[in-house]
Amino acid sequence: MEVNCKNMQHYEEIATTILSTATHRGAEKSTCPSEIARMLFPDNWRNHMQDVREVATDLHKKGSVVITQKGVPVDVEHMKGPVRIKISKIN
């Protein structure tokens, strides 16, 4: 999956919301990308799901968050299906 989220109009808003939500939850809990999309775009959140996933992937690559499936970190280059986002314990 190629991540081209830096060109997205809402990148900073999505990134800030992911980081603040994940930080608030702490390293032992996670959030769903759809929760972030619903917070920011309540009327058309489904249209922004790919954007949220791409920003989360970018933050994962930077080490700010960890993307997991069934509690296990995933290879973000080959992820499919539902994922969760956690703040990185390194932060």
C-alpha atoms as a PDB file:
ATOM      1  CA  MET A   1       0.000   0.000   0.000  1.00  0.00           C
ATOM      2  CA  GLU A   2       1.485   3.308  -1.039  1.00  0.00           C
ATOM      3  CA  VAL A   3       0.979   6.069   1.495  1.00  0.00           C
ATOM      4  CA  ASN A   4       0.502   9.486   0.003  1.00  0.00           C
ATOM      5  CA  CYS A   5      -1.211  11.092   2.984  1.00  0.00           C
ATOM      6  CA  LYS A   6       1.026  14.168   3.193  1.00  0.00           C
ATOM      7  CA  ASN A   7      -0.886  15.605   0.250  1.00  0.00           C
ATOM      8  CA  MET A   8      -4.232  15.160   1.943  1.00  0.00           C
ATOM      9  CA  GLN A   9      -6.129  18.281   2.901  1.00  0.00           C
ATOM     10  CA  HIS A  10      -6.921  17.000   6.399  1.00  0.00           C
ATOM     11  CA  TYR A  11      -3.579  15.362   7.267  1.00  0.00           C
ATOM     12  CA  GLU A  12      -2.711  17.551  10.277  1.00  0.00           C
ATOM     13  CA  GLU A  13      -6.223  17.415  11.717  1.00  0.00           C
ATOM     14  CA  ILE A  14      -6.347  13.623  11.401  1.00  0.00           C
ATOM     15  CA  ALA A  15      -2.828  13.174  12.788  1.00  0.00           C
ATOM     16  CA  THR A  16      -3.526  15.429  15.771  1.00  0.00           C
ATOM     17  CA  THR A  17      -6.761  13.590  16.561  1.00  0.00           C
ATOM     18  CA  ILE A  18      -5.111  10.165  16.296  1.00  0.00           C
ATOM     19  CA  LEU A  19      -2.234  11.206  18.550  1.00  0.00           C
ATOM     20  CA  SER A  20      -4.388  12.942  21.145  1.00  0.00           C
ATOM     21  CA  THR A  21      -6.887  10.072  21.313  1.00  0.00           C
ATOM     22  CA  ALA A  22      -4.172   7.423  21.498  1.00  0.00           C
ATOM     23  CA  THR A  23      -2.244   9.394  24.123  1.00  0.00           C
ATOM     24  CA  HIS A  24      -5.370   9.853  26.218  1.00  0.00           C
ATOM     25  CA  ARG A  25      -6.069   6.104  26.079  1.00  0.00           C
ATOM     26  CA  GLY A  26      -2.513   5.176  27.014  1.00  0.00           C
ATOM     27  CA  ALA A  27      -0.196   2.487  25.673  1.00  0.00           C
ATOM     28  CA  GLU A  28      -2.338  -0.405  26.914  1.00  0.00           C
ATOM     29  CA  LYS A  29      -5.513   0.626  25.056  1.00  0.00           C
ATOM     30  CA  SER A  30      -6.268   1.369  21.430  1.00  0.00           C
ATOM     31  CA  THR A  31      -8.666   3.194  19.160  1.00  0.00           C
ATOM     32  CA  CYS A  32     -10.335   2.214  15.912  1.00  0.00           C
ATOM     33  CA  PRO A  33      -9.723   4.252  12.754  1.00  0.00           C
ATOM     34  CA  SER A  34     -13.498   4.556  12.342  1.00  0.00           C
ATOM     35  CA  GLU A  35     -13.710   6.267  15.738  1.00  0.00           C
ATOM     36  CA  ILE A  36     -11.262   8.926  14.526  1.00  0.00           C
ATOM     37  CA  ALA A  37     -13.185   9.342  11.266  1.00  0.00           C
ATOM     38  CA  ARG A  38     -16.490   9.695  13.151  1.00  0.00           C
ATOM     39  CA  MET A  39     -15.019  12.352  15.451  1.00  0.00           C
ATOM     40  CA  LEU A  40     -13.760  14.470  12.582  1.00  0.00           C
ATOM     41  CA  PHE A  41     -16.284  13.805   9.828  1.00  0.00           C
ATOM     42  CA  PRO A  42     -19.551  12.725  11.501  1.00  0.00           C
ATOM     43  CA  ASP A  43     -21.725  13.213   8.422  1.00  0.00           C
ATOM     44  CA  ASN A  44     -19.537  11.331   5.933  1.00  0.00           C
ATOM     45  CA  TRP A  45     -16.968   9.463   8.032  1.00  0.00           C
ATOM     46  CA  ARG A  46     -16.892   6.426   5.733  1.00  0.00           C
ATOM     47  CA  ASN A  47     -15.563   8.626   2.924  1.00  0.00           C
ATOM     48  CA  HIS A  48     -12.538   9.449   5.101  1.00  0.00           C
ATOM     49  CA  MET A  49     -11.632   5.979   6.367  1.00  0.00           C
ATOM     50  CA  GLN A  50      -8.806   5.517   3.857  1.00  0.00           C
ATOM     51  CA  ASP A  51      -7.393   8.922   4.796  1.00  0.00           C
ATOM     52  CA  VAL A  52      -7.402   7.989   8.491  1.00  0.00           C
ATOM     53  CA  ARG A  53      -5.728   4.657   7.769  1.00  0.00           C
ATOM     54  CA  GLU A  54      -3.067   6.354   5.631  1.00  0.00           C
ATOM     55  CA  VAL A  55      -2.293   8.971   8.285  1.00  0.00           C
ATOM     56  CA  ALA A  56      -2.154   6.229  10.939  1.00  0.00           C
ATOM     57  CA  THR A  57       0.230   4.268   8.706  1.00  0.00           C
ATOM     58  CA  ASP A  58       2.447   7.322   8.324  1.00  0.00           C
ATOM     59  CA  LEU A  59       2.461   7.867  12.106  1.00  0.00           C
ATOM     60  CA  HIS A  60       3.284   4.169  12.581  1.00  0.00           C
ATOM     61  CA  LYS A  61       6.267   4.460  10.236  1.00  0.00           C
ATOM     62  CA  LYS A  62       7.461   7.504  12.204  1.00  0.00           C
ATOM     63  CA  GLY A  63       7.215   5.513  15.438  1.00  0.00           C
ATOM     64  CA  SER A  64       4.493   7.654  17.003  1.00  0.00           C
ATOM     65  CA  VAL A  65       1.821   4.941  17.043  1.00  0.00           C
ATOM     66  CA  VAL A  66       1.583   1.182  16.612  1.00  0.00           C
ATOM     67  CA  ILE A  67      -1.026  -0.364  14.338  1.00  0.00           C
ATOM     68  CA  THR A  68      -2.259  -3.748  15.529  1.00  0.00           C
ATOM     69  CA  GLN A  69      -4.593  -6.558  14.547  1.00  0.00           C
ATOM     70  CA  LYS A  70      -5.804  -8.826  17.331  1.00  0.00           C
ATOM     71  CA  GLY A  71      -3.341  -7.071  19.632  1.00  0.00           C
ATOM     72  CA  VAL A  72      -0.282  -7.835  17.504  1.00  0.00           C
ATOM     73  CA  PRO A  73       1.660  -5.177  15.543  1.00  0.00           C
ATOM     74  CA  VAL A  74       1.126  -5.572  11.803  1.00  0.00           C
ATOM     75  CA  ASP A  75       3.240  -5.091   8.716  1.00  0.00           C
ATOM     76  CA  VAL A  76       1.628  -1.863   7.530  1.00  0.00           C
ATOM     77  CA  GLU A  77       2.719  -2.516   3.962  1.00  0.00           C
ATOM     78  CA  HIS A  78       0.461  -5.588   3.798  1.00  0.00           C
ATOM     79  CA  MET A  79      -2.359  -4.954   6.278  1.00  0.00           C
ATOM     80  CA  LYS A  80      -5.889  -6.002   5.440  1.00  0.00           C
ATOM     81  CA  GLY A  81      -9.022  -5.955   7.501  1.00  0.00           C
ATOM     82  CA  PRO A  82      -9.789  -4.220  10.783  1.00  0.00           C
ATOM     83  CA  VAL A  83      -6.937  -2.594  12.666  1.00  0.00           C
ATOM     84  CA  ARG A  84      -6.463  -0.720  15.937  1.00  0.00           C
ATOM     85  CA  ILE A  85      -4.180   2.216  16.727  1.00  0.00           C
ATOM     86  CA  LYS A  86      -2.144   2.522  19.932  1.00  0.00           C
ATOM     87  CA  ILE A  87       0.267   5.163  21.108  1.00  0.00           C
ATOM     88  CA  SER A  88       3.839   3.970  20.905  1.00  0.00           C
ATOM     89  CA  LYS A  89       5.389   3.093  24.275  1.00  0.00           C
ATOM     90  CA  ILE A  90       8.553   4.826  23.061  1.00  0.00           C
ATOM     91  CA  ASN A  91       6.819   8.246  23.028  1.00  0.00           C
END
